[in-house]
Protein backbone atom coordinates (compact mmCIF):
# COMPACT_ATOMS: atom_id res chain seq x y z
CA UNK A 1 42.32 -60.36 52.03
CA UNK A 2 41.60 -56.87 50.68
CA UNK A 3 37.85 -57.63 50.66
CA UNK A 4 38.02 -58.78 54.28
CA UNK A 5 39.82 -55.57 55.27
CA UNK A 6 37.17 -53.44 53.58
CA UNK A 7 34.32 -55.35 55.25
CA UNK A 8 35.97 -55.01 58.67
CA UNK A 9 36.54 -51.32 58.08
CA UNK A 10 32.94 -50.78 57.03
CA UNK A 11 31.73 -52.52 60.19
CA UNK A 12 33.98 -50.32 62.31
CA UNK A 13 32.83 -47.13 60.60
CA UNK A 14 29.15 -48.11 60.97
CA UNK A 15 29.64 -48.76 64.67
CA UNK A 16 31.42 -45.41 65.22
CA UNK A 17 29.27 -43.17 63.02
CA UNK A 18 27.43 -41.77 66.04
CA UNK A 19 28.78 -40.46 69.32
CA UNK A 20 32.20 -38.99 70.00
CA UNK A 21 34.55 -40.38 67.36
CA UNK A 22 37.94 -38.66 67.26
CA UNK A 23 39.73 -41.15 64.99
CA UNK A 24 41.26 -40.55 61.57
CA UNK A 25 40.64 -43.01 58.68
CA UNK A 26 43.92 -42.96 56.77
CA UNK A 27 43.80 -43.63 53.02
CA UNK A 28 40.02 -43.60 53.19
CA UNK A 29 37.33 -41.41 51.65
CA UNK A 30 33.69 -40.50 52.24
CA UNK A 31 32.82 -39.48 48.65
CA UNK A 32 29.87 -37.20 47.96
CA UNK A 33 27.52 -35.40 50.37
CA UNK A 34 29.64 -32.21 50.29
CA UNK A 35 28.16 -29.09 51.91
CA UNK A 36 31.28 -26.89 51.83
CA UNK A 37 34.85 -27.06 50.54
CA UNK A 38 37.60 -25.18 52.40
CA UNK A 39 41.39 -25.28 52.61
CA UNK A 40 43.32 -26.99 55.42
CA UNK A 41 47.01 -27.75 55.96
CA UNK A 42 46.26 -31.17 57.51
CA UNK A 43 43.52 -33.57 58.60
CA UNK A 44 43.38 -32.28 62.19
CA UNK A 45 42.59 -28.76 61.01
CA UNK A 46 39.95 -30.15 58.64
CA UNK A 47 38.35 -32.05 61.54
CA UNK A 48 38.18 -28.83 63.58
CA UNK A 49 36.58 -26.98 60.65
CA UNK A 50 33.91 -29.67 60.47
CA UNK A 51 33.37 -29.39 64.22
CA UNK A 52 32.75 -25.66 63.92
CA UNK A 53 30.58 -25.79 60.79
CA UNK A 54 26.99 -26.10 62.03
CA UNK A 55 25.78 -28.63 59.47
CA UNK A 56 28.95 -30.73 59.13
CA UNK A 57 28.80 -34.31 60.40
CA UNK A 58 31.87 -35.86 58.73
CA UNK A 59 34.71 -34.82 56.45
CA UNK A 60 37.47 -35.87 54.05
CA UNK A 61 40.88 -34.25 53.51
CA UNK A 62 43.07 -34.67 50.42
CA UNK A 63 46.69 -34.50 51.56
CA UNK A 64 49.68 -33.17 49.60
CA UNK A 65 50.96 -36.73 48.95
CA UNK A 66 47.77 -37.89 47.23
CA UNK A 67 48.63 -39.33 43.79
CA UNK A 68 45.08 -40.02 42.59
CA UNK A 69 43.55 -36.56 43.16
CA UNK A 70 45.33 -33.23 42.67
CA UNK A 71 42.94 -31.21 44.85
CA UNK A 72 45.63 -31.07 47.52
CA UNK A 73 44.83 -29.41 50.86
CA UNK A 74 41.09 -29.44 50.11
CA UNK A 75 38.89 -30.10 53.15
CA UNK A 76 35.44 -31.43 52.23
CA UNK A 77 32.76 -30.84 54.86
CA UNK A 78 29.89 -33.27 54.56
CA UNK A 79 26.45 -34.18 55.91
CA UNK A 80 23.61 -36.62 55.28
CA UNK A 81 20.13 -36.99 56.84
CA UNK A 82 21.22 -40.27 58.45
CA UNK A 83 24.33 -38.73 59.97
CA UNK A 84 26.66 -41.24 58.36
CA UNK A 85 28.37 -41.40 54.94
CA UNK A 86 26.36 -42.83 52.07
CA UNK A 87 29.58 -44.09 50.47
CA UNK A 88 32.97 -45.17 51.78
CA UNK A 89 36.00 -46.48 49.93
CA UNK A 90 39.82 -46.64 50.11
CA UNK A 91 41.64 -43.68 48.56
CA UNK A 92 45.39 -43.16 48.71
CA UNK A 93 46.50 -39.91 50.34
CA UNK A 94 43.06 -39.06 51.72
CA UNK A 95 41.97 -38.95 55.37
CA UNK A 96 38.38 -39.07 56.59
CA UNK A 97 36.65 -38.67 59.94
CA UNK A 98 33.76 -37.26 61.96
CA UNK A 99 32.82 -34.00 63.64
CA UNK A 100 33.71 -33.64 67.32
CA UNK A 101 30.50 -31.76 68.20
CA UNK A 102 29.12 -34.71 70.18
CA UNK A 103 32.23 -34.97 72.36
CA UNK A 104 31.69 -33.76 75.92
CA UNK A 105 33.87 -32.08 76.86
CA UNK A 106 35.25 -31.02 73.51
CA UNK A 107 38.82 -32.29 73.01
CA UNK A 108 41.39 -29.56 73.60
CA UNK A 109 42.72 -28.60 70.16
CA UNK A 110 46.30 -27.67 69.37
CA UNK A 111 47.50 -25.89 66.27
CA UNK A 112 51.11 -25.56 67.38
CA UNK A 113 52.44 -27.56 64.43
CA UNK A 114 54.22 -25.63 61.67
CA UNK A 115 54.27 -26.62 58.01
CA UNK A 116 57.50 -26.46 56.03
CA UNK A 117 57.39 -25.72 52.30
CA UNK A 118 53.73 -24.76 52.72
CA UNK A 119 52.29 -21.32 52.01
CA UNK A 120 49.07 -19.69 53.27
CA UNK A 121 48.61 -17.09 50.48
CA UNK A 122 46.37 -14.07 50.98
CA UNK A 123 44.79 -12.42 54.06
CA UNK A 124 47.94 -10.36 54.82
CA UNK A 125 47.57 -7.29 57.01
CA UNK A 126 51.11 -6.77 58.31
CA UNK A 127 54.62 -7.78 57.18
CA UNK A 128 58.11 -7.31 58.61
CA UNK A 129 61.53 -8.99 58.69
CA UNK A 130 62.50 -11.28 61.56
CA UNK A 131 65.13 -13.89 62.32
CA UNK A 132 63.17 -17.15 61.91
CA UNK A 133 59.71 -18.71 61.79
CA UNK A 134 59.61 -19.07 65.60
CA UNK A 135 59.85 -15.31 66.00
CA UNK A 136 57.18 -14.92 63.33
CA UNK A 137 54.85 -17.30 65.18
CA UNK A 138 55.50 -15.51 68.47
CA UNK A 139 54.62 -12.20 66.84
CA UNK A 140 51.42 -13.75 65.50
CA UNK A 141 50.53 -15.06 68.95
CA UNK A 142 51.17 -11.68 70.58
CA UNK A 143 49.06 -9.80 68.01
CA UNK A 144 45.32 -10.22 68.84
CA UNK A 145 44.40 -9.80 65.16
CA UNK A 146 46.73 -12.52 63.85
CA UNK A 147 45.28 -15.96 63.19
CA UNK A 148 48.02 -17.52 61.02
CA UNK A 149 51.30 -16.61 59.34
CA UNK A 150 53.79 -17.44 56.59
CA UNK A 151 57.55 -16.93 56.87
CA UNK A 152 60.05 -16.87 53.98
CA UNK A 153 63.26 -18.44 55.28
CA UNK A 154 66.93 -17.87 54.46
CA UNK A 155 66.78 -20.17 51.40
CA UNK A 156 63.78 -18.52 49.74
CA UNK A 157 64.36 -17.95 46.03
CA UNK A 158 64.01 -14.17 45.93
CA UNK A 159 66.75 -12.78 48.15
CA UNK A 160 64.86 -9.50 48.62
CA UNK A 161 62.13 -11.28 50.58
CA UNK A 162 64.13 -13.69 52.71
CA UNK A 163 63.36 -13.55 56.47
CA UNK A 164 60.02 -11.86 55.82
CA UNK A 165 57.11 -12.63 58.14
CA UNK A 166 53.52 -12.15 56.98
CA UNK A 167 50.80 -11.92 59.63
CA UNK A 168 47.38 -12.94 58.37
CA UNK A 169 43.80 -12.51 59.45
CA UNK A 170 40.57 -14.50 59.49
CA UNK A 171 37.41 -13.74 61.44
CA UNK A 172 37.60 -14.73 65.10
CA UNK A 173 34.21 -13.25 66.06
CA UNK A 174 30.97 -14.90 64.89
CA UNK A 175 29.26 -13.16 61.99
CA UNK A 176 25.61 -13.98 61.45
CA UNK A 177 25.12 -15.18 57.84
CA UNK A 178 21.94 -13.12 57.52
CA UNK A 179 19.80 -10.71 59.52
CA UNK A 180 16.07 -10.50 58.72
CA UNK A 181 13.26 -8.57 60.39
CA UNK A 182 10.59 -10.97 61.69
CA UNK A 183 7.94 -10.07 64.26
CA UNK A 184 7.86 -13.44 66.04
CA UNK A 185 11.64 -13.84 66.37
CA UNK A 186 14.01 -12.93 69.18
CA UNK A 187 17.72 -13.36 68.56
CA UNK A 188 20.95 -12.92 70.46
CA UNK A 189 24.38 -14.27 71.32
CA UNK A 190 25.76 -16.65 73.89
CA UNK A 191 26.67 -14.81 77.07
CA UNK A 192 29.89 -16.83 77.05
CA UNK A 193 31.02 -14.89 73.97
CA UNK A 194 30.04 -11.43 75.25
CA UNK A 195 30.64 -9.79 71.89
CA UNK A 196 28.07 -6.98 72.01
CA UNK A 197 29.37 -3.63 73.31
CA UNK A 198 27.42 -1.99 76.11
CA UNK A 199 26.03 1.52 75.65
CA UNK A 200 26.68 2.08 79.37
CA UNK A 201 30.39 1.35 79.38
CA UNK A 202 32.87 4.21 79.35
CA UNK A 203 34.75 2.78 76.36
CA UNK A 204 31.73 3.03 74.06
CA UNK A 205 32.83 4.99 70.97
CA UNK A 206 30.74 7.77 69.48
CA UNK A 207 28.24 6.76 66.82
CA UNK A 208 27.30 9.36 64.20
CA UNK A 209 23.56 9.17 63.52
CA UNK A 210 22.24 9.84 60.00
CA UNK A 211 25.80 9.98 58.73
CA UNK A 212 27.46 7.99 55.96
CA UNK A 213 31.16 7.66 55.23
CA UNK A 214 30.82 6.83 51.50
CA UNK A 215 33.38 4.82 49.56
CA UNK A 216 36.54 3.02 50.71
CA UNK A 217 34.61 -0.23 51.32
CA UNK A 218 36.76 -3.04 52.70
CA UNK A 219 34.11 -5.70 53.42
CA UNK A 220 30.39 -5.83 54.09
CA UNK A 221 28.48 -8.15 56.43
CA UNK A 222 24.97 -8.59 57.82
CA UNK A 223 24.68 -7.09 61.30
CA UNK A 224 21.81 -6.55 63.70
CA UNK A 225 22.81 -3.09 64.96
CA UNK A 226 25.34 -0.26 64.64
CA UNK A 227 26.95 -1.52 67.86
CA UNK A 228 27.54 -4.95 66.36
CA UNK A 229 28.90 -3.28 63.22
CA UNK A 230 31.34 -1.46 65.48
CA UNK A 231 32.43 -4.80 66.97
CA UNK A 232 33.16 -6.13 63.47
CA UNK A 233 35.18 -3.02 62.60
CA UNK A 234 37.08 -3.27 65.89
CA UNK A 235 37.90 -6.91 65.21
CA UNK A 236 39.33 -6.30 61.73
CA UNK A 237 42.93 -5.03 61.61
CA UNK A 238 42.38 -3.01 58.42
CA UNK A 239 39.08 -1.31 59.35
CA UNK A 240 39.41 2.48 59.69
CA UNK A 241 35.71 3.26 60.24
CA UNK A 242 32.29 1.85 59.32
CA UNK A 243 28.76 2.66 58.16
CA UNK A 244 25.65 0.71 59.16
CA UNK A 245 22.55 0.80 56.93
CA UNK A 246 19.45 0.17 59.00
CA UNK A 247 16.98 -0.64 56.20
CA UNK A 248 18.91 -3.76 55.12
CA UNK A 249 20.87 -4.44 58.35
CA UNK A 250 24.22 -4.35 56.58
CA UNK A 251 27.55 -3.27 57.98
CA UNK A 252 30.12 -1.70 55.64
CA UNK A 253 33.69 -1.78 56.89
CA UNK A 254 35.89 0.94 55.42
CA UNK A 255 39.64 1.25 54.87
CA UNK A 256 41.04 4.74 54.41
CA UNK A 257 43.84 6.13 56.54
CA UNK A 258 43.99 9.44 54.66
CA UNK A 259 40.53 10.91 55.05
CA UNK A 260 37.03 10.32 56.45
CA UNK A 261 34.43 12.40 54.64
CA UNK A 262 30.99 12.50 56.34
CA UNK A 263 27.75 12.85 54.38
CA UNK A 264 24.26 13.29 55.78
CA UNK A 265 22.10 10.27 54.88
CA UNK A 266 18.97 9.34 56.82
CA UNK A 267 18.95 5.79 58.18
CA UNK A 268 22.72 5.31 58.19
CA UNK A 269 24.83 5.26 61.34
CA UNK A 270 28.61 5.49 61.09
CA UNK A 271 31.39 5.27 63.62
CA UNK A 272 34.91 4.36 64.60
CA UNK A 273 36.42 1.13 65.92
CA UNK A 274 36.69 0.84 69.70
CA UNK A 275 40.12 -0.76 69.95
CA UNK A 276 41.11 1.56 72.80
CA UNK A 277 38.71 -0.26 75.14
CA UNK A 278 40.41 -2.33 77.87
CA UNK A 279 40.72 -6.06 77.16
CA UNK A 280 38.12 -7.83 79.30
CA UNK A 281 37.62 -11.26 77.81
CA UNK A 282 40.30 -13.89 77.27
CA UNK A 283 38.33 -15.77 74.60
CA UNK A 284 37.53 -12.60 72.67
CA UNK A 285 39.72 -9.57 73.41
CA UNK A 286 37.36 -7.23 71.58
CA UNK A 287 34.37 -7.90 73.85
CA UNK A 288 33.18 -6.13 76.98
CA UNK A 289 30.84 -7.89 79.41
CA UNK A 290 27.39 -7.18 78.08
CA UNK A 291 24.92 -9.01 75.83
CA UNK A 292 22.11 -7.46 73.79
CA UNK A 293 18.87 -9.20 72.80
CA UNK A 294 17.33 -8.33 69.41
CA UNK A 295 13.52 -8.46 69.37
CA UNK A 296 11.83 -8.80 65.99
CA UNK A 297 15.09 -10.04 64.42
CA UNK A 298 15.85 -13.44 62.90
CA UNK A 299 19.35 -14.90 62.46
CA UNK A 300 18.52 -17.55 59.81
CA UNK A 301 20.78 -20.48 58.83
CA UNK A 302 23.74 -22.10 60.61
CA UNK A 303 21.48 -24.21 62.86
CA UNK A 304 23.15 -26.68 65.21
CA UNK A 305 19.92 -28.04 66.66
CA UNK A 306 16.48 -26.94 67.81
CA UNK A 307 14.53 -27.52 71.00
CA UNK A 308 11.18 -26.55 72.49
CA UNK A 309 11.46 -23.95 75.27
CA UNK A 310 9.02 -21.69 77.07
CA UNK A 311 10.70 -18.34 76.43
CA UNK A 312 13.61 -16.50 74.83
CA UNK A 313 15.54 -16.31 78.10
CA UNK A 314 15.61 -20.11 78.27
CA UNK A 315 16.85 -20.14 74.68
CA UNK A 316 19.68 -17.76 75.56
CA UNK A 317 20.55 -19.93 78.56
CA UNK A 318 20.60 -23.03 76.36
CA UNK A 319 22.96 -21.32 73.92
CA UNK A 320 25.22 -20.11 76.71
CA UNK A 321 25.45 -23.58 78.28
CA UNK A 322 26.24 -25.28 74.97
CA UNK A 323 29.97 -24.91 74.14
CA UNK A 324 29.17 -25.21 70.42
CA UNK A 325 26.55 -22.42 70.36
CA UNK A 326 27.47 -18.84 69.45
CA UNK A 327 24.09 -17.25 68.73
CA UNK A 328 20.42 -18.22 68.64
CA UNK A 329 16.96 -17.36 67.37
CA UNK A 330 13.79 -18.01 69.36
CA UNK A 331 10.41 -18.26 67.57
CA UNK A 332 7.71 -16.95 69.91
CA UNK A 333 4.81 -18.31 67.80
CA UNK A 334 6.06 -21.93 67.97
CA UNK A 335 8.19 -21.79 71.16
CA UNK A 336 11.14 -23.27 69.29
CA UNK A 337 14.74 -22.31 70.03
CA UNK A 338 17.40 -22.61 67.32
CA UNK A 339 21.03 -22.83 68.45
CA UNK A 340 23.57 -21.69 65.86
CA UNK A 341 27.27 -21.28 65.11
CA UNK A 342 29.74 -20.38 62.35
CA UNK A 343 33.45 -21.07 61.87
CA UNK A 344 35.68 -18.74 63.89
CA UNK A 345 38.91 -20.75 64.06
CA UNK A 346 41.95 -19.72 61.99
CA UNK A 347 41.12 -20.63 58.39
CA UNK A 348 43.53 -19.74 55.55
CA UNK A 349 41.75 -18.76 52.32
CA UNK A 350 44.15 -21.05 50.43
CA UNK A 351 46.95 -23.54 51.10
CA UNK A 352 49.63 -24.61 48.61
CA UNK A 353 53.20 -25.88 48.44
CA UNK A 354 55.98 -23.30 48.14
CA UNK A 355 59.64 -24.10 48.73
CA UNK A 356 61.38 -22.51 51.73
CA UNK A 357 58.20 -21.10 53.22
CA UNK A 358 57.09 -22.02 56.74
CA UNK A 359 53.47 -21.45 57.77
CA UNK A 360 51.49 -21.97 60.94
CA UNK A 361 48.89 -20.64 63.35
CA UNK A 362 48.65 -18.46 66.41
CA UNK A 363 49.30 -20.37 69.64
CA UNK A 364 46.46 -18.66 71.53
CA UNK A 365 44.04 -21.56 70.91
CA UNK A 366 40.98 -19.54 71.91
CA UNK A 367 38.89 -20.28 68.84
CA UNK A 368 36.60 -23.10 70.00
């Protein structure tokens, strides 16, 4: 009987391995073929991570009740050239499934569930005391920086920290994995995202040419311009100011509330976040309505798919019309357009069990 069940399951999985497949395979695993391992509080969140990861085609999630594998809350993102798992087998406490990229329209996600006795450690940027986890989640939803939270309830072991709410951050704007100068490349972002600040808008903050603000580094990321570096600083709740190095296209976010010491350095542009700009975009509150095209710039990696098109404008249009695409690179020598994306949904850096802690996500649901 067990053999018959496995054969029937294999037939079902083979039949559903292409197209829009939203189902969960309970107590089932797709071993191997891992491209990335992240943390998730449940299988639904893991499925959404796979949907946002450009290369991911299917996934497996090890739940907290798994008795045969102690890698609890691990979300394994997977891919194969064929698009389907090379191996499948039963596994207690594990859930498997497929990316939702092929679904049209994309299913409306919901991360309203909260997780009791579950902690999202790390990524804190603000903490305060409040009455219960509902108030903590409301505060997270009202704060445009907050992506997820953890709340220590009235039974938490250390009485000094009971009723404490921790608001936490993960990137909600797409960050290009790399930026490389290349003469036959033209790159840019989906107009639907509208993340590039306009030099013509009144809320544009002053940029300090040939100026470095040394030290106090918070994070560093590839960026195509000082303006995009400013967007990254504006989107991070702990960024005080930034410096952009033009010769390697890197953006250095800085954290220092006490002082900002300028230093003349050729080829470096520094500036301040532009959080005082009016909110103009529901999907991304840090974005005014303007898009910049970068000629001679390649955004390598994170490819969703490629297609042959006559010009870069058509490539930008293709990215804008594809709900999965965030940015693109067009190769003028081969007339090939590469559509790309990275994960921008709330993603805790770690998930573990901790008694009398309640964790959850913002209710804004604007991350897909």
